[in-house]
């Protein structure tokens, strides 16, 4: 009896543990619902990821990729500009080298001209020293004559005639001295123009303008001494044009200086032997004929 009861209880508990069809359908439905929920969650997560990528990719492109592309484009443009600029600089350097070579040639030519002018100046200086020596000798003779005039009162008339002859001799010498002084001033102007050309060749336009100013002052003095000369106003005009052309147009200034140089060179006479006064004929009077003492003309 007891065994039967135990068997009956075992069968009852086994039947109670086995699920029914409805429970199985409910479990399947709940599994399907859980599957749908999981699928929706997965799809939602994938949608969020896709949306994030859809929004993040353009932002990343605008934020990082696009600036890199713009920077690369600018780098390419700068490289092209640097290559073009390098070519232009090379061309400018070559042009400057050619110009420097030409200026060096001009400087050599100007140096040779300066040496020739220096030689002419030395010759003129030697002539002036000779004239000064002659003037000193004439002054000594005049001093001796004054002493004899104080001692000899009887020969006053002869001395007066001699003085008149000396005055005429001085008047004949004075134009020569004035002409030589004017020639010295012309040479001084030519020397200033030579220095101005050399300074322009060295691109020292300030000192070149000072030399042109000095030349203009000397030419103005020559105009005051020779108001009827037609060449000096042209020289003054060329010097003014050269001074105004500096420092913007040194080539134009050089042309104006060259024109003034040619005009001034035409004013220099051909070198001739220094004239010497003829000796006065011997007279019965024991008093020697003195020579005049030239009065130096003030320099400009």
Protein backbone atom coordinates (compact mmCIF):
# COMPACT_ATOMS: atom_id res chain seq x y z
CA UNK A 1 0.00 0.00 0.00
CA UNK A 2 2.74 2.32 0.92
CA UNK A 3 4.60 1.59 -2.30
CA UNK A 4 1.51 2.35 -4.33
CA UNK A 5 1.04 5.61 -2.50
CA UNK A 6 4.65 6.60 -3.16
CA UNK A 7 4.28 5.66 -6.82
CA UNK A 8 1.08 7.70 -7.07
CA UNK A 9 2.80 10.73 -5.49
CA UNK A 10 5.76 10.38 -7.90
CA UNK A 11 3.45 10.29 -10.88
CA UNK A 12 1.57 13.31 -9.55
CA UNK A 13 4.79 15.36 -9.05
CA UNK A 14 6.08 14.32 -12.51
CA UNK A 15 2.81 15.40 -14.10
CA UNK A 16 3.00 18.67 -12.15
CA UNK A 17 6.63 19.31 -13.33
CA UNK A 18 5.87 18.81 -17.03
CA UNK A 19 4.63 22.15 -18.65
CA UNK A 20 1.43 22.29 -20.47
CA UNK A 21 0.86 23.36 -24.14
CA UNK A 22 -0.30 26.81 -23.17
CA UNK A 23 2.72 27.30 -21.01
CA UNK A 24 4.88 26.20 -23.86
CA UNK A 25 3.11 28.66 -26.22
CA UNK A 26 3.46 31.45 -23.68
CA UNK A 27 7.16 30.63 -23.29
CA UNK A 28 7.65 30.64 -27.07
CA UNK A 29 5.81 33.95 -27.36
CA UNK A 30 7.92 35.48 -24.60
CA UNK A 31 11.06 34.19 -26.32
CA UNK A 32 9.88 35.72 -29.58
CA UNK A 33 9.20 39.02 -27.81
CA UNK A 34 12.62 38.96 -26.19
CA UNK A 35 14.13 38.25 -29.62
CA UNK A 36 12.24 41.20 -31.11
CA UNK A 37 13.36 43.44 -28.24
CA UNK A 38 16.95 42.37 -28.71
CA UNK A 39 16.66 42.89 -32.48
CA UNK A 40 15.18 46.34 -31.95
CA UNK A 41 17.95 47.19 -29.48
CA UNK A 42 20.57 45.99 -31.95
CA UNK A 43 18.94 47.94 -34.80
CA UNK A 44 18.70 51.02 -32.58
CA UNK A 45 22.35 50.71 -31.63
CA UNK A 46 23.30 50.21 -35.28
CA UNK A 47 21.14 53.24 -36.24
CA UNK A 48 22.80 55.34 -33.59
CA UNK A 49 26.23 54.20 -34.78
CA UNK A 50 25.26 54.91 -38.42
CA UNK A 51 23.88 58.35 -37.44
CA UNK A 52 26.99 59.10 -35.46
CA UNK A 53 29.15 58.09 -38.42
CA UNK A 54 26.92 60.14 -40.77
CA UNK A 55 27.40 63.20 -38.63
CA UNK A 56 30.98 62.54 -37.54
CA UNK A 57 32.49 61.82 -40.96
CA UNK A 58 31.58 65.23 -42.54
CA UNK A 59 32.62 66.98 -39.34
CA UNK A 60 35.93 65.12 -39.28
CA UNK A 61 36.38 65.93 -42.98
CA UNK A 62 35.69 69.62 -42.40
CA UNK A 63 37.68 69.72 -39.18
CA UNK A 64 40.79 67.75 -40.16
CA UNK A 65 40.88 66.58 -43.78
CA UNK A 66 39.74 69.81 -45.47
CA UNK A 67 42.32 72.02 -43.63
CA UNK A 68 45.02 69.54 -44.60
CA UNK A 69 43.96 69.72 -48.23
CA UNK A 70 43.88 73.54 -48.13
CA UNK A 71 47.28 73.58 -46.46
CA UNK A 72 48.67 71.24 -49.11
CA UNK A 73 47.25 73.50 -51.85
CA UNK A 74 48.83 76.56 -50.25
CA UNK A 75 52.14 74.73 -49.92
CA UNK A 76 52.00 73.86 -53.63
CA UNK A 77 51.24 77.50 -54.53
CA UNK A 78 54.07 78.72 -52.31
CA UNK A 79 56.44 76.24 -53.90
CA UNK A 80 55.49 77.47 -57.36
CA UNK A 81 55.86 81.09 -56.25
CA UNK A 82 59.24 80.36 -54.66
CA UNK A 83 60.47 78.74 -57.86
CA UNK A 84 59.26 81.73 -59.91
CA UNK A 85 60.77 84.17 -57.42
CA UNK A 86 64.07 82.31 -57.47
CA UNK A 87 64.17 82.58 -61.25
CA UNK A 88 63.43 86.31 -61.09
CA UNK A 89 66.11 86.83 -58.43
CA UNK A 90 68.64 84.93 -60.53
CA UNK A 91 67.80 87.09 -63.53
CA UNK A 92 68.13 90.26 -61.45
CA UNK A 93 71.47 89.06 -60.07
CA UNK A 94 72.75 88.40 -63.58
CA UNK A 95 71.60 91.87 -64.69
CA UNK A 96 73.26 93.45 -61.66
CA UNK A 97 76.50 91.60 -62.38
CA UNK A 98 76.47 92.86 -65.96
CA UNK A 99 75.80 96.38 -64.76
CA UNK A 100 78.59 96.17 -62.18
CA UNK A 101 80.98 95.01 -64.87
CA UNK A 102 79.96 97.95 -67.07
CA UNK A 103 80.38 100.38 -64.18
CA UNK A 104 83.80 98.96 -63.42
CA UNK A 105 84.78 99.56 -67.04
CA UNK A 106 83.51 103.13 -66.80
CA UNK A 107 85.41 103.59 -63.57
CA UNK A 108 88.66 102.46 -65.21
CA UNK A 109 88.06 104.86 -68.10
CA UNK A 110 87.32 107.70 -65.69
CA UNK A 111 90.45 106.91 -63.72
CA UNK A 112 92.51 107.18 -66.90
CA UNK A 113 90.87 110.49 -67.75
CA UNK A 114 91.54 111.69 -64.21
CA UNK A 115 95.21 110.80 -64.56
CA UNK A 116 95.39 112.75 -67.82
CA UNK A 117 93.70 115.75 -66.19
CA UNK A 118 96.06 115.48 -63.24
CA UNK A 119 99.01 115.64 -65.62
CA UNK A 120 97.55 118.73 -67.30
CA UNK A 121 96.99 120.27 -63.90
CA UNK A 122 100.60 119.65 -62.90
CA UNK A 123 101.78 121.30 -66.11
CA UNK A 124 99.58 124.30 -65.43
CA UNK A 125 100.82 124.44 -61.85
CA UNK A 126 104.38 124.48 -63.11
CA UNK A 127 103.52 127.36 -65.43
CA UNK A 128 101.94 129.26 -62.54
CA UNK A 129 105.03 128.72 -60.40
CA UNK A 130 107.15 130.08 -63.23
CA UNK A 131 104.92 133.13 -63.45
CA UNK A 132 105.16 133.63 -59.70
CA UNK A 133 108.94 133.51 -59.92
CA UNK A 134 108.85 136.06 -62.72
CA UNK A 135 106.49 138.18 -60.65
CA UNK A 136 108.89 137.98 -57.71
CA UNK A 137 111.77 139.02 -59.93
CA UNK A 138 109.75 141.90 -61.30
CA UNK A 139 108.82 142.95 -57.77
CA UNK A 140 112.46 142.96 -56.75
CA UNK A 141 113.33 145.07 -59.77
CA UNK A 142 110.55 147.50 -58.87
CA UNK A 143 111.86 147.77 -55.31
CA UNK A 144 115.31 148.55 -56.65
CA UNK A 145 113.82 151.15 -58.96
CA UNK A 146 111.98 152.82 -56.09
CA UNK A 147 115.24 153.10 -54.16
CA UNK A 148 117.00 154.71 -57.09
CA UNK A 149 114.05 157.06 -57.63
CA UNK A 150 114.52 158.33 -54.06
CA UNK A 151 118.23 158.93 -54.73
CA UNK A 152 118.04 160.46 -58.21
CA UNK A 153 115.75 163.50 -58.40
CA UNK A 154 117.20 164.71 -61.69
CA UNK A 155 115.84 161.72 -63.62
CA UNK A 156 112.21 162.13 -62.50
CA UNK A 157 110.97 162.72 -66.03
CA UNK A 158 112.74 159.62 -67.35
CA UNK A 159 111.42 157.57 -64.47
CA UNK A 160 107.89 158.84 -65.19
CA UNK A 161 108.23 157.73 -68.80
CA UNK A 162 109.58 154.41 -67.61
CA UNK A 163 106.62 154.02 -65.26
CA UNK A 164 104.21 154.62 -68.09
CA UNK A 165 106.02 151.95 -70.11
CA UNK A 166 105.74 149.59 -67.14
CA UNK A 167 102.03 150.34 -66.87
CA UNK A 168 101.54 149.46 -70.52
CA UNK A 169 103.54 146.29 -70.01
CA UNK A 170 101.36 145.36 -67.02
CA UNK A 171 98.20 146.05 -68.99
CA UNK A 172 99.49 143.69 -71.68
CA UNK A 173 100.19 141.02 -69.06
CA UNK A 174 96.97 141.37 -67.06
CA UNK A 175 94.67 139.75 -69.70
CA UNK A 176 97.03 136.77 -69.87
CA UNK A 177 96.93 136.31 -66.09
CA UNK A 178 93.14 136.64 -66.00
CA UNK A 179 92.83 134.15 -68.84
CA UNK A 180 95.12 131.71 -67.02
CA UNK A 181 93.10 132.13 -63.82
CA UNK A 182 89.90 131.40 -65.72
CA UNK A 183 91.57 128.33 -67.25
CA UNK A 184 92.49 127.18 -63.73
CA UNK A 185 88.84 127.55 -62.67
CA UNK A 186 87.73 125.61 -65.76
CA UNK A 187 90.17 122.83 -64.85
CA UNK A 188 88.81 122.89 -61.31
CA UNK A 189 85.28 122.45 -62.66
CA UNK A 190 86.45 119.58 -64.88
CA UNK A 191 88.09 117.97 -61.86
CA UNK A 192 84.83 118.29 -59.88
CA UNK A 193 82.91 116.73 -62.79
CA UNK A 194 85.44 113.88 -62.93
CA UNK A 195 85.01 113.20 -59.22
CA UNK A 196 81.22 113.40 -59.60
CA UNK A 197 81.27 110.78 -62.36
CA UNK A 198 83.46 108.50 -60.27
CA UNK A 199 81.16 108.93 -57.25
CA UNK A 200 78.08 108.21 -59.37
CA UNK A 201 79.79 105.06 -60.60
CA UNK A 202 80.27 104.13 -56.92
CA UNK A 203 76.56 104.96 -56.20
CA UNK A 204 77.67 107.71 -53.79
CA UNK A 205 75.05 110.21 -54.95
CA UNK A 206 75.33 112.58 -51.96
CA UNK A 207 79.02 113.39 -52.53
CA UNK A 208 78.41 113.52 -56.29
CA UNK A 209 75.72 116.19 -55.73
CA UNK A 210 78.20 118.17 -53.57
CA UNK A 211 80.76 118.05 -56.38
CA UNK A 212 78.12 119.30 -58.83
CA UNK A 213 77.27 122.16 -56.45
CA UNK A 214 80.96 123.13 -56.26
CA UNK A 215 81.17 123.01 -60.06
CA UNK A 216 78.05 125.21 -60.32
CA UNK A 217 79.63 127.81 -58.00
CA UNK A 218 82.81 127.90 -60.11
CA UNK A 219 80.78 128.22 -63.33
CA UNK A 220 78.81 131.09 -61.76
CA UNK A 221 82.11 132.87 -61.02
CA UNK A 222 83.21 132.34 -64.62
CA UNK A 223 79.92 133.84 -65.82
CA UNK A 224 80.57 136.90 -63.67
CA UNK A 225 83.99 137.24 -65.30
CA UNK A 226 82.76 136.50 -68.83
CA UNK A 227 79.16 137.77 -69.04
CA UNK A 228 79.20 137.69 -72.86
CA UNK A 229 80.22 134.04 -73.13
CA UNK A 230 77.42 131.89 -74.63
CA UNK A 231 78.85 128.53 -73.55
CA UNK A 232 78.82 129.06 -69.79
CA UNK A 233 74.98 129.36 -69.48
CA UNK A 234 74.68 126.04 -71.33
CA UNK A 235 77.20 124.47 -68.95
CA UNK A 236 75.28 125.84 -65.95
CA UNK A 237 72.02 124.42 -67.33
CA UNK A 238 73.58 120.97 -67.89
CA UNK A 239 74.94 120.98 -64.32
CA UNK A 240 71.52 121.93 -62.92
CA UNK A 241 69.90 119.10 -64.89
CA UNK A 242 72.52 116.63 -63.62
CA UNK A 243 72.01 117.77 -60.03
CA UNK A 244 68.21 117.44 -60.32
CA UNK A 245 68.54 113.95 -61.86
CA UNK A 246 70.32 112.58 -58.76
CA UNK A 247 69.71 110.13 -57.19
CA UNK A 248 66.70 108.88 -59.20
CA UNK A 249 68.29 108.90 -62.68
CA UNK A 250 72.10 108.54 -62.42
CA UNK A 251 72.37 107.61 -66.11
CA UNK A 252 70.72 110.89 -67.12
CA UNK A 253 73.02 112.75 -64.72
CA UNK A 254 76.07 111.14 -66.33
CA UNK A 255 74.88 112.24 -69.77
CA UNK A 256 74.39 115.82 -68.56
CA UNK A 257 77.82 115.79 -66.92
CA UNK A 258 79.37 114.51 -70.16
CA UNK A 259 77.66 117.32 -72.11
CA UNK A 260 78.95 119.92 -69.62
CA UNK A 261 82.42 118.35 -69.86
CA UNK A 262 82.47 118.73 -73.65
CA UNK A 263 81.32 122.35 -73.44
CA UNK A 264 83.98 123.22 -70.84
CA UNK A 265 86.72 121.37 -72.74
CA UNK A 266 86.02 123.64 -75.71
CA UNK A 267 86.90 126.64 -73.49
CA UNK A 268 90.45 125.40 -72.85
CA UNK A 269 92.94 126.80 -75.37
CA UNK A 270 95.75 124.87 -76.96
CA UNK A 271 98.89 124.86 -74.82
CA UNK A 272 101.34 127.49 -76.12
CA UNK A 273 104.76 128.58 -74.83
CA UNK A 274 104.63 131.03 -71.95
CA UNK A 275 105.15 134.55 -73.31
CA UNK A 276 108.04 136.50 -71.83
CA UNK A 277 108.23 140.28 -71.82
CA UNK A 278 110.59 141.75 -74.35
CA UNK A 279 113.55 143.57 -72.92
CA UNK A 280 113.36 147.33 -73.16
CA UNK A 281 115.94 148.87 -75.52
CA UNK A 282 119.02 150.25 -73.89
CA UNK A 283 118.88 153.98 -73.27
CA UNK A 284 121.43 156.52 -72.36
CA UNK A 285 119.99 156.75 -68.89
CA UNK A 286 121.83 154.55 -66.37
CA UNK A 287 118.54 153.64 -64.68
CA UNK A 288 117.42 150.08 -65.71
CA UNK A 289 113.87 149.62 -67.00
CA UNK A 290 111.85 147.83 -64.28
CA UNK A 291 109.13 145.32 -64.96
CA UNK A 292 105.61 145.71 -63.51
CA UNK A 293 104.43 143.81 -60.48
CA UNK A 294 101.16 142.08 -61.43
CA UNK A 295 98.39 142.28 -58.90
CA UNK A 296 96.92 138.79 -58.26
CA UNK A 297 93.28 138.43 -59.21
CA UNK A 298 91.11 136.97 -56.40
CA UNK A 299 90.12 133.36 -56.96
CA UNK A 300 86.45 132.37 -57.05
